[in-house]
Protein backbone atom coordinates (compact mmCIF):
# COMPACT_ATOMS: atom_id res chain seq x y z
CA UNK A 1 0.00 0.00 0.00
CA UNK A 2 2.73 2.43 0.94
CA UNK A 3 4.70 1.58 -2.20
CA UNK A 4 1.65 2.29 -4.39
CA UNK A 5 1.04 5.62 -2.62
CA UNK A 6 4.61 6.75 -3.21
CA UNK A 7 4.41 5.73 -6.87
CA UNK A 8 1.08 7.56 -7.22
CA UNK A 9 2.50 10.71 -5.64
CA UNK A 10 5.57 10.55 -7.90
CA UNK A 11 3.34 10.11 -10.95
CA UNK A 12 1.23 13.09 -9.87
CA UNK A 13 4.33 15.25 -9.37
CA UNK A 14 5.71 14.16 -12.74
CA UNK A 15 2.43 14.92 -14.45
CA UNK A 16 2.28 18.35 -12.82
CA UNK A 17 5.71 19.13 -14.25
CA UNK A 18 4.62 17.88 -17.65
CA UNK A 19 1.58 20.14 -17.44
CA UNK A 20 3.84 23.20 -17.25
CA UNK A 21 4.94 23.00 -20.86
CA UNK A 22 7.05 25.66 -22.55
CA UNK A 23 5.29 28.49 -24.33
CA UNK A 24 5.51 27.99 -28.06
CA UNK A 25 5.44 30.91 -30.41
CA UNK A 26 2.19 31.02 -32.36
CA UNK A 27 2.43 30.69 -36.10
CA UNK A 28 2.03 33.96 -37.95
CA UNK A 29 0.16 34.20 -41.21
CA UNK A 30 0.63 37.38 -43.21
CA UNK A 31 -1.94 38.33 -45.85
CA UNK A 32 -1.14 40.96 -48.47
CA UNK A 33 -3.92 42.73 -50.35
CA UNK A 34 -3.09 45.22 -53.09
CA UNK A 35 -5.66 47.82 -54.04
CA UNK A 36 -4.87 49.64 -57.28
CA UNK A 37 -6.34 53.10 -57.62
CA UNK A 38 -6.41 54.34 -61.21
CA UNK A 39 -4.66 57.61 -62.00
CA UNK A 40 -6.41 60.93 -62.56
CA UNK A 41 -8.78 60.90 -65.49
CA UNK A 42 -9.66 64.58 -65.15
CA UNK A 43 -6.92 66.86 -66.50
CA UNK A 44 -5.62 69.60 -64.23
CA UNK A 45 -5.02 73.07 -65.63
CA UNK A 46 -1.59 74.35 -64.60
CA UNK A 47 -1.15 78.09 -65.23
CA UNK A 48 2.16 79.21 -66.75
CA UNK A 49 3.51 82.76 -66.92
CA UNK A 50 3.12 84.47 -70.29
CA UNK A 51 6.37 84.32 -72.27
CA UNK A 52 7.75 87.50 -73.77
CA UNK A 53 9.22 87.42 -77.28
CA UNK A 54 12.97 87.80 -77.59
CA UNK A 55 13.06 88.88 -81.23
CA UNK A 56 10.36 90.73 -83.18
CA UNK A 57 10.67 90.77 -87.00
CA UNK A 58 8.70 93.43 -88.90
CA UNK A 59 8.11 92.88 -92.62
CA UNK A 60 8.62 96.10 -94.58
CA UNK A 61 6.30 95.12 -97.37
CA UNK A 62 8.07 93.29 -100.12
CA UNK A 63 4.80 91.89 -101.48
CA UNK A 64 2.33 93.49 -103.90
CA UNK A 65 -0.35 95.85 -102.58
CA UNK A 66 -3.09 95.11 -105.07
CA UNK A 67 -4.25 91.74 -103.43
CA UNK A 68 -4.53 93.04 -99.88
CA UNK A 69 -7.85 92.56 -98.01
CA UNK A 70 -7.70 95.08 -95.17
CA UNK A 71 -10.84 93.82 -93.45
CA UNK A 72 -9.42 90.27 -93.32
CA UNK A 73 -6.20 91.58 -91.80
CA UNK A 74 -8.09 93.62 -89.16
CA UNK A 75 -10.40 90.66 -88.42
CA UNK A 76 -7.38 88.36 -87.92
CA UNK A 77 -5.70 91.00 -85.78
CA UNK A 78 -8.61 91.26 -83.33
CA UNK A 79 -9.51 87.57 -83.39
CA UNK A 80 -8.55 85.42 -80.44
CA UNK A 81 -6.88 82.23 -81.67
CA UNK A 82 -6.47 79.31 -79.26
CA UNK A 83 -3.94 76.63 -80.10
CA UNK A 84 -3.89 73.29 -78.30
CA UNK A 85 -0.79 71.16 -78.72
CA UNK A 86 -0.88 67.65 -77.23
CA UNK A 87 2.62 66.77 -76.08
CA UNK A 88 1.88 63.35 -74.57
CA UNK A 89 -1.22 61.15 -74.57
CA UNK A 90 -0.61 57.58 -73.41
CA UNK A 91 -1.40 55.29 -70.50
CA UNK A 92 1.03 57.05 -68.15
CA UNK A 93 0.05 60.73 -68.63
CA UNK A 94 -1.80 63.31 -70.67
CA UNK A 95 0.08 66.58 -71.30
CA UNK A 96 -1.23 69.39 -73.48
CA UNK A 97 -0.06 72.97 -74.01
CA UNK A 98 -2.72 75.64 -74.68
CA UNK A 99 -1.63 78.96 -76.21
CA UNK A 100 -3.88 81.98 -76.75
CA UNK A 101 -2.91 84.53 -79.45
CA UNK A 102 -4.69 87.94 -79.64
CA UNK A 103 -3.58 91.05 -81.54
CA UNK A 104 -0.60 89.17 -82.94
CA UNK A 105 0.74 88.59 -79.44
CA UNK A 106 0.81 85.53 -77.18
CA UNK A 107 -1.72 86.45 -74.48
CA UNK A 108 -1.78 83.31 -72.38
CA UNK A 109 -0.24 79.90 -72.00
CA UNK A 110 -1.41 77.03 -69.83
CA UNK A 111 -0.44 73.41 -69.33
CA UNK A 112 -2.98 70.61 -68.93
CA UNK A 113 -1.69 67.56 -67.03
CA UNK A 114 -3.38 64.30 -65.98
CA UNK A 115 -1.44 61.53 -64.24
CA UNK A 116 -2.73 58.22 -65.55
CA UNK A 117 -0.35 55.94 -63.69
CA UNK A 118 -2.21 53.66 -61.30
CA UNK A 119 -1.32 53.94 -57.63
CA UNK A 120 -0.95 50.72 -55.68
CA UNK A 121 -1.88 50.66 -52.01
CA UNK A 122 -0.66 47.58 -50.15
CA UNK A 123 -2.62 46.45 -47.10
CA UNK A 124 -0.82 44.03 -44.80
CA UNK A 125 -2.79 41.92 -42.34
CA UNK A 126 -0.94 39.79 -39.82
CA UNK A 127 -2.88 36.98 -38.17
CA UNK A 128 -1.40 34.97 -35.35
CA UNK A 129 -2.82 31.48 -35.28
CA UNK A 130 -1.88 28.76 -32.91
CA UNK A 131 -2.05 25.33 -34.46
CA UNK A 132 -4.16 22.74 -32.76
CA UNK A 133 -2.01 20.19 -30.99
CA UNK A 134 -2.40 17.33 -28.60
CA UNK A 135 -2.90 18.31 -24.96
CA UNK A 136 -2.27 16.26 -21.87
CA UNK A 137 -4.10 16.99 -18.61
CA UNK A 138 -3.16 15.44 -15.29
CA UNK A 139 -4.90 15.61 -11.94
CA UNK A 140 -6.46 13.66 -9.14
CA UNK A 141 -9.90 12.22 -8.50
CA UNK A 142 -11.90 11.39 -5.38
CA UNK A 143 -14.87 9.06 -5.09
CA UNK A 144 -17.32 9.22 -2.15
CA UNK A 145 -20.34 6.95 -1.83
CA UNK A 146 -22.48 5.48 0.96
CA UNK A 147 -22.09 1.88 -0.16
CA UNK A 148 -18.32 1.75 -0.70
CA UNK A 149 -15.26 3.12 0.95
CA UNK A 150 -13.92 6.39 -0.41
CA UNK A 151 -11.31 6.07 -3.13
CA UNK A 152 -8.86 8.49 -4.74
CA UNK A 153 -6.00 8.46 -7.20
CA UNK A 154 -4.21 10.08 -10.13
CA UNK A 155 -5.87 10.68 -13.49
CA UNK A 156 -4.62 11.74 -16.92
CA UNK A 157 -6.54 12.84 -20.01
CA UNK A 158 -5.11 13.21 -23.52
CA UNK A 159 -6.96 15.53 -25.94
CA UNK A 160 -6.20 15.04 -29.63
CA UNK A 161 -6.09 17.63 -32.42
CA UNK A 162 -9.51 16.54 -33.67
CA UNK A 163 -11.22 17.05 -30.31
CA UNK A 164 -11.28 13.49 -28.99
CA UNK A 165 -10.20 12.74 -25.43
CA UNK A 166 -8.82 9.59 -23.84
CA UNK A 167 -8.60 9.37 -20.06
CA UNK A 168 -7.10 7.01 -17.53
CA UNK A 169 -7.60 6.97 -13.74
CA UNK A 170 -6.14 4.70 -11.08
CA UNK A 171 -7.85 4.01 -7.76
CA UNK A 172 -5.30 3.70 -4.97
CA UNK A 173 -7.55 2.18 -2.25
CA UNK A 174 -9.19 -0.55 -4.32
CA UNK A 175 -6.48 -0.82 -7.02
CA UNK A 176 -8.96 -0.10 -9.80
CA UNK A 177 -8.35 1.14 -13.33
CA UNK A 178 -10.76 3.40 -15.19
CA UNK A 179 -10.64 4.31 -18.89
CA UNK A 180 -12.75 7.08 -20.41
CA UNK A 181 -13.42 8.34 -23.92
CA UNK A 182 -14.46 11.96 -24.59
CA UNK A 183 -15.88 13.74 -27.64
CA UNK A 184 -16.00 17.48 -28.27
CA UNK A 185 -19.59 18.79 -28.36
CA UNK A 186 -20.24 21.81 -30.60
CA UNK A 187 -23.29 23.99 -30.09
Foldseek 3Di string as FASTA:
>chain_A
DVVLVVVQVVVQVVQVVVQPDDDDFFDKDKDKDKDKAWWFPFWDKAFDDFDDDPDDDDDPDPDDDPPDDPVVVVCVQADKDKDKAWPDDDQAKTKIKIWIAHNNGTDGIIIIITGGHIDMDMDMDMDGHHQQAKHKDKDKDWDDDPPDDIWMGIKMWIAGSQAKIWMWTATDPVRDIDIDIDGDDDD
